[in-house]
C-alpha atoms as a PDB file:
ATOM      1  CA  MET A   1     131.800 -47.857 -29.432  1.00  0.00           C
ATOM      2  CA  LYS A   2     132.740 -50.103 -26.636  1.00  0.00           C
ATOM      3  CA  PRO A   3     130.169 -52.191 -24.899  1.00  0.00           C
ATOM      4  CA  LYS A   4     130.599 -50.270 -21.669  1.00  0.00           C
ATOM      5  CA  GLN A   5     129.939 -46.959 -23.391  1.00  0.00           C
ATOM      6  CA  PHE A   6     127.043 -48.457 -25.252  1.00  0.00           C
ATOM      7  CA  PHE A   7     125.618 -49.660 -21.951  1.00  0.00           C
ATOM      8  CA  TYR A   8     125.901 -46.148 -20.414  1.00  0.00           C
ATOM      9  CA  VAL A   9     124.295 -44.554 -23.462  1.00  0.00           C
ATOM     10  CA  LEU A  10     121.525 -47.104 -23.359  1.00  0.00           C
ATOM     11  CA  ILE A  11     121.019 -46.502 -19.618  1.00  0.00           C
ATOM     12  CA  GLY A  12     120.978 -42.711 -20.290  1.00  0.00           C
ATOM     13  CA  ILE A  13     118.401 -43.103 -23.037  1.00  0.00           C
ATOM     14  CA  ILE A  14     116.258 -45.321 -20.825  1.00  0.00           C
ATOM     15  CA  ALA A  15     116.598 -42.874 -17.911  1.00  0.00           C
ATOM     16  CA  GLY A  16     115.635 -39.976 -20.212  1.00  0.00           C
ATOM     17  CA  LEU A  17     112.673 -41.890 -21.528  1.00  0.00           C
ATOM     18  CA  LEU A  18     111.619 -42.754 -17.997  1.00  0.00           C
ATOM     19  CA  ALA A  19     111.925 -39.080 -16.945  1.00  0.00           C
ATOM     20  CA  ILE A  20     109.937 -37.909 -19.971  1.00  0.00           C
ATOM     21  CA  GLY A  21     107.385 -40.681 -19.336  1.00  0.00           C
ATOM     22  CA  GLY A  22     107.134 -39.696 -15.644  1.00  0.00           C
ATOM     23  CA  VAL A  23     106.608 -36.030 -16.507  1.00  0.00           C
ATOM     24  CA  GLY A  24     104.041 -37.034 -19.142  1.00  0.00           C
ATOM     25  CA  TYR A  25     102.339 -39.347 -16.649  1.00  0.00           C
ATOM     26  CA  TYR A  26     102.216 -36.541 -14.055  1.00  0.00           C
ATOM     27  CA  PHE A  27     100.684 -34.074 -16.537  1.00  0.00           C
ATOM     28  CA  ALA A  28      98.250 -36.691 -17.839  1.00  0.00           C
ATOM     29  CA  LEU A  29      97.250 -37.584 -14.275  1.00  0.00           C
ATOM     30  CA  THR A  30      96.753 -33.881 -13.420  1.00  0.00           C
ATOM     31  CA  ASN A  31      94.667 -33.405 -16.568  1.00  0.00           C
ATOM     32  CA  VAL A  32      92.570 -36.508 -15.801  1.00  0.00           C
ATOM     33  CA  LYS A  33      92.033 -35.273 -12.211  1.00  0.00           C
ATOM     34  CA  ALA A  34      90.943 -31.805 -13.410  1.00  0.00           C
ATOM     35  CA  THR A  35      88.635 -33.319 -16.021  1.00  0.00           C
ATOM     36  CA  SER A  36      87.259 -35.743 -13.420  1.00  0.00           C
ATOM     37  CA  ASP A  37      86.584 -32.879 -10.977  1.00  0.00           C
ATOM     38  CA  LYS A  38      84.921 -30.846 -13.723  1.00  0.00           C
ATOM     39  CA  LEU A  39      82.790 -33.838 -14.716  1.00  0.00           C
ATOM     40  CA  ALA A  40      81.822 -34.479 -11.074  1.00  0.00           C
ATOM     41  CA  THR A  41      80.783 -30.820 -10.719  1.00  0.00           C
ATOM     42  CA  GLN A  42      78.736 -31.005 -13.903  1.00  0.00           C
ATOM     43  CA  LEU A  43      77.085 -34.246 -12.753  1.00  0.00           C
ATOM     44  CA  ALA A  44      76.238 -32.679  -9.374  1.00  0.00           C
ATOM     45  CA  GLU A  45      74.778 -29.623 -11.138  1.00  0.00           C
ATOM     46  CA  GLN A  46      72.786 -31.893 -13.457  1.00  0.00           C
ATOM     47  CA  ALA A  47      71.487 -33.912 -10.493  1.00  0.00           C
ATOM     48  CA  ALA A  48      70.480 -30.690  -8.706  1.00  0.00           C
ATOM     49  CA  ALA A  49      68.765 -29.426 -11.880  1.00  0.00           C
ATOM     50  CA  ASP A  50      66.929 -32.754 -12.259  1.00  0.00           C
ATOM     51  CA  GLU A  51      65.843 -32.648  -8.617  1.00  0.00           C
ATOM     52  CA  GLN A  52      64.653 -29.058  -9.010  1.00  0.00           C
ATOM     53  CA  SER A  53      62.800 -29.992 -12.199  1.00  0.00           C
ATOM     54  CA  GLN A  54      61.075 -32.878 -10.391  1.00  0.00           C
ATOM     55  CA  TYR A  55      60.192 -30.527  -7.508  1.00  0.00           C
ATOM     56  CA  VAL A  56      58.692 -27.991  -9.925  1.00  0.00           C
ATOM     57  CA  SER A  57      56.767 -30.790 -11.627  1.00  0.00           C
ATOM     58  CA  ARG A  58      55.408 -31.983  -8.248  1.00  0.00           C
ATOM     59  CA  ILE A  59      54.448 -28.421  -7.299  1.00  0.00           C
ATOM     60  CA  LYS A  60      52.753 -27.918 -10.668  1.00  0.00           C
ATOM     61  CA  THR A  61      50.768 -31.134 -10.207  1.00  0.00           C
ATOM     62  CA  GLN A  62      49.863 -30.148  -6.648  1.00  0.00           C
ATOM     63  CA  TYR A  63      48.770 -26.685  -7.877  1.00  0.00           C
ATOM     64  CA  ALA A  64      46.582 -28.248 -10.563  1.00  0.00           C
ATOM     65  CA  HIS A  65      45.106 -30.681  -8.033  1.00  0.00           C
ATOM     66  CA  ASP A  66      44.688 -28.418  -4.981  1.00  0.00           C
ATOM     67  CA  ILE A  67      44.509 -24.797  -6.177  1.00  0.00           C
ATOM     68  CA  VAL A  68      42.896 -24.764  -9.631  1.00  0.00           C
ATOM     69  CA  PRO A  69      39.598 -26.275  -8.385  1.00  0.00           C
ATOM     70  CA  ILE A  70      39.183 -23.542  -5.743  1.00  0.00           C
ATOM     71  CA  LEU A  71      40.096 -20.556  -7.928  1.00  0.00           C
ATOM     72  CA  PRO A  72      36.443 -19.939  -8.870  1.00  0.00           C
ATOM     73  CA  LEU A  73      35.549 -20.008  -5.171  1.00  0.00           C
ATOM     74  CA  ILE A  74      38.255 -17.450  -4.465  1.00  0.00           C
ATOM     75  CA  ASP A  75      36.965 -15.241  -7.274  1.00  0.00           C
ATOM     76  CA  ASP A  76      33.465 -15.512  -5.800  1.00  0.00           C
ATOM     77  CA  ALA A  77      34.716 -14.745  -2.295  1.00  0.00           C
ATOM     78  CA  LEU A  78      36.824 -11.789  -3.393  1.00  0.00           C
ATOM     79  CA  PRO A  79      35.588 -10.542  -6.796  1.00  0.00           C
ATOM     80  CA  ARG A  80      37.431  -7.972  -8.912  1.00  0.00           C
ATOM     81  CA  SER A  81      34.399  -5.690  -9.143  1.00  0.00           C
ATOM     82  CA  LYS A  82      31.991  -4.524  -6.482  1.00  0.00           C
ATOM     83  CA  ASN A  83      28.929  -6.367  -7.911  1.00  0.00           C
ATOM     84  CA  GLN A  84      26.501  -4.169  -5.994  1.00  0.00           C
ATOM     85  CA  THR A  85      23.385  -5.776  -7.446  1.00  0.00           C
ATOM     86  CA  GLU A  86      24.537  -9.259  -6.496  1.00  0.00           C
ATOM     87  CA  ILE A  87      25.421  -8.364  -2.895  1.00  0.00           C
ATOM     88  CA  LEU A  88      22.162  -6.411  -2.486  1.00  0.00           C
ATOM     89  CA  ALA A  89      20.160  -9.388  -3.762  1.00  0.00           C
ATOM     90  CA  GLN A  90      21.988 -11.683  -1.343  1.00  0.00           C
ATOM     91  CA  LEU A  91      21.358  -9.357   1.609  1.00  0.00           C
ATOM     92  CA  GLN A  92      17.665  -9.011   0.627  1.00  0.00           C
ATOM     93  CA  ARG A  93      17.305 -12.791   0.338  1.00  0.00           C
ATOM     94  CA  ILE A  94      18.994 -13.361   3.716  1.00  0.00           C
ATOM     95  CA  ALA A  95      16.832 -10.695   5.375  1.00  0.00           C
ATOM     96  CA  SER A  96      13.667 -12.266   3.947  1.00  0.00           C
ATOM     97  CA  GLU A  97      14.743 -15.768   5.022  1.00  0.00           C
ATOM     98  CA  SER A  98      15.482 -14.437   8.518  1.00  0.00           C
ATOM     99  CA  GLY A  99      12.130 -12.656   8.756  1.00  0.00           C
ATOM    100  CA  LEU A 100      13.627  -9.149   8.773  1.00  0.00           C
ATOM    101  CA  THR A 101      12.382  -6.217   6.716  1.00  0.00           C
ATOM    102  CA  ILE A 102      14.958  -3.976   5.058  1.00  0.00           C
ATOM    103  CA  ALA A 103      13.894  -0.377   5.646  1.00  0.00           C
ATOM    104  CA  SER A 104      16.673   1.369   3.726  1.00  0.00           C
ATOM    105  CA  ILE A 105      19.988   0.692   1.960  1.00  0.00           C
ATOM    106  CA  SER A 106      22.661   3.144   0.883  1.00  0.00           C
ATOM    107  CA  PHE A 107      26.169   3.157  -0.511  1.00  0.00           C
ATOM    108  CA  ALA A 108      28.860   5.802  -0.280  1.00  0.00           C
ATOM    109  CA  SER A 109      28.704   8.357  -3.081  1.00  0.00           C
ATOM    110  CA  PRO A 110      31.155   7.666  -5.914  1.00  0.00           C
ATOM    111  CA  ILE A 111      34.076  10.023  -6.283  1.00  0.00           C
ATOM    112  CA  GLY A 112      34.339  10.906  -9.976  1.00  0.00           C
ATOM    113  CA  LEU A 113      32.922   8.587 -12.599  1.00  0.00           C
ATOM    114  CA  PRO A 114      31.545   5.220 -11.437  1.00  0.00           C
ATOM    115  CA  THR A 115      33.951   2.297 -11.952  1.00  0.00           C
ATOM    116  CA  ASN A 116      34.249  -1.303 -10.793  1.00  0.00           C
ATOM    117  CA  THR A 117      35.989  -0.089  -7.640  1.00  0.00           C
ATOM    118  CA  SER A 118      34.435   3.332  -7.036  1.00  0.00           C
ATOM    119  CA  GLN A 119      32.612   3.706  -3.716  1.00  0.00           C
ATOM    120  CA  THR A 120      35.222   1.458  -2.091  1.00  0.00           C
ATOM    121  CA  VAL A 121      37.787   2.203   0.594  1.00  0.00           C
ATOM    122  CA  ALA A 122      41.177   0.584   1.087  1.00  0.00           C
ATOM    123  CA  VAL A 123      41.299  -1.829   4.005  1.00  0.00           C
ATOM    124  CA  GLY A 124      44.665  -3.536   4.268  1.00  0.00           C
ATOM    125  CA  GLY A 125      45.455  -5.198   0.950  1.00  0.00           C
ATOM    126  CA  VAL A 126      41.859  -5.215  -0.324  1.00  0.00           C
ATOM    127  CA  LEU A 127      39.037  -2.774  -0.991  1.00  0.00           C
ATOM    128  CA  ALA A 128      35.852  -2.654   1.075  1.00  0.00           C
ATOM    129  CA  LEU A 129      32.457  -1.610  -0.253  1.00  0.00           C
ATOM    130  CA  PRO A 130      30.532  -0.266   2.778  1.00  0.00           C
ATOM    131  CA  ILE A 131      26.787  -0.918   2.621  1.00  0.00           C
ATOM    132  CA  ASN A 132      24.680   0.996   5.141  1.00  0.00           C
ATOM    133  CA  PHE A 133      21.177  -0.297   5.806  1.00  0.00           C
ATOM    134  CA  GLN A 134      18.442  -0.634   8.366  1.00  0.00           C
ATOM    135  CA  VAL A 135      16.420  -3.730   9.113  1.00  0.00           C
ATOM    136  CA  GLN A 136      13.412  -4.253  11.371  1.00  0.00           C
ATOM    137  CA  GLY A 137      12.598  -7.357  13.366  1.00  0.00           C
ATOM    138  CA  SER A 138      13.329  -9.306  16.527  1.00  0.00           C
ATOM    139  CA  PHE A 139      16.676 -10.002  18.112  1.00  0.00           C
ATOM    140  CA  ALA A 140      16.413 -13.705  17.195  1.00  0.00           C
ATOM    141  CA  GLN A 141      15.802 -12.722  13.560  1.00  0.00           C
ATOM    142  CA  LEU A 142      18.864 -10.452  13.710  1.00  0.00           C
ATOM    143  CA  GLN A 143      20.988 -13.329  15.026  1.00  0.00           C
ATOM    144  CA  THR A 144      19.816 -15.539  12.166  1.00  0.00           C
ATOM    145  CA  PHE A 145      20.541 -12.735   9.673  1.00  0.00           C
ATOM    146  CA  LEU A 146      24.060 -12.154  11.023  1.00  0.00           C
ATOM    147  CA  THR A 147      24.831 -15.875  10.991  1.00  0.00           C
ATOM    148  CA  LYS A 148      23.805 -16.076   7.336  1.00  0.00           C
ATOM    149  CA  VAL A 149      25.823 -12.942   6.445  1.00  0.00           C
ATOM    150  CA  GLU A 150      28.882 -14.638   7.960  1.00  0.00           C
ATOM    151  CA  THR A 151      28.390 -17.673   5.699  1.00  0.00           C
ATOM    152  CA  LEU A 152      28.026 -15.808   2.403  1.00  0.00           C
ATOM    153  CA  ASN A 153      30.254 -17.036  -0.406  1.00  0.00           C
ATOM    154  CA  ARG A 154      31.716 -13.497  -0.541  1.00  0.00           C
ATOM    155  CA  PHE A 155      33.999 -12.049   2.148  1.00  0.00           C
ATOM    156  CA  THR A 156      31.882  -9.675   4.217  1.00  0.00           C
ATOM    157  CA  ASN A 157      31.793  -8.426   7.776  1.00  0.00           C
ATOM    158  CA  VAL A 158      29.544  -6.262   9.888  1.00  0.00           C
ATOM    159  CA  THR A 159      31.492  -3.184  10.973  1.00  0.00           C
ATOM    160  CA  THR A 160      28.809  -1.229  12.852  1.00  0.00           C
ATOM    161  CA  LEU A 161      25.545  -2.177  14.477  1.00  0.00           C
ATOM    162  CA  SER A 162      23.206   0.074  16.421  1.00  0.00           C
ATOM    163  CA  VAL A 163      19.860  -0.794  17.938  1.00  0.00           C
ATOM    164  CA  SER A 164      16.916   1.571  18.378  1.00  0.00           C
ATOM    165  CA  ARG A 165      13.227   1.330  19.169  1.00  0.00           C
ATOM    166  CA  ALA A 166      10.816   4.249  19.042  1.00  0.00           C
ATOM    167  CA  ASP A 167       8.404   2.617  21.520  1.00  0.00           C
ATOM    168  CA  LYS A 168       7.351  -0.866  22.594  1.00  0.00           C
ATOM    169  CA  THR A 169       4.657  -1.068  19.936  1.00  0.00           C
ATOM    170  CA  LYS A 170       7.141  -0.536  17.069  1.00  0.00           C
ATOM    171  CA  PRO A 171       9.608  -3.179  15.837  1.00  0.00           C
ATOM    172  CA  ILE A 172      13.276  -2.940  16.783  1.00  0.00           C
ATOM    173  CA  VAL A 173      15.359  -1.122  14.139  1.00  0.00           C
ATOM    174  CA  TYR A 174      18.928  -2.273  13.554  1.00  0.00           C
ATOM    175  CA  ALA A 175      21.172   0.120  11.640  1.00  0.00           C
ATOM    176  CA  MET A 176      24.345  -1.544  10.405  1.00  0.00           C
ATOM    177  CA  THR A 177      27.211  -1.287   8.003  1.00  0.00           C
ATOM    178  CA  VAL A 178      28.409  -4.360   6.159  1.00  0.00           C
ATOM    179  CA  ASN A 179      31.698  -4.311   4.258  1.00  0.00           C
ATOM    180  CA  ALA A 180      31.761  -6.428   1.103  1.00  0.00           C
ATOM    181  CA  TYR A 181      35.360  -6.913  -0.042  1.00  0.00           C
ATOM    182  CA  VAL A 182      36.790  -6.479  -3.550  1.00  0.00           C
ATOM    183  CA  LYS A 183      40.202  -7.279  -5.037  1.00  0.00           C
ATOM    184  CA  PRO A 184      42.125  -4.089  -5.784  1.00  0.00           C
END
């Protein structure tokens, strides 16, 4: 083989190697780019998951700090059962403290067998236990009574109030309905 031919063969081999190397470099670069993009996506997903985990942890801590201590108060304010005896005792105590005399108290008749929620009616998303009663006393005593009913630890409201007086020698009679609320 003559030197000139050898030179051309050598140049051809080098050119072939360079072409193969270039194609290999291109495929390697494409593969590295795809792997880099995939890794960046995974890192972004991991960062988002870590951020969400920290957010959930903060919310859990806030729940334990802010909500858990008031759960018993919420259960007192809106109990799962009607607790008639308890609400009657509270109303009797408030009436006595206000100087009123309770003349009569009644509840709606239960439909079927008595349960924790019988005698209640649906009001929005909760149940109301209507308590009908009559008290006797002065208007100032009634105002004191109503103020104390509003500040009970249980959600209640006065739905009806009527005033009557047989004559000026008799005390004023206030007939009212108070709704005591229950969780459904």
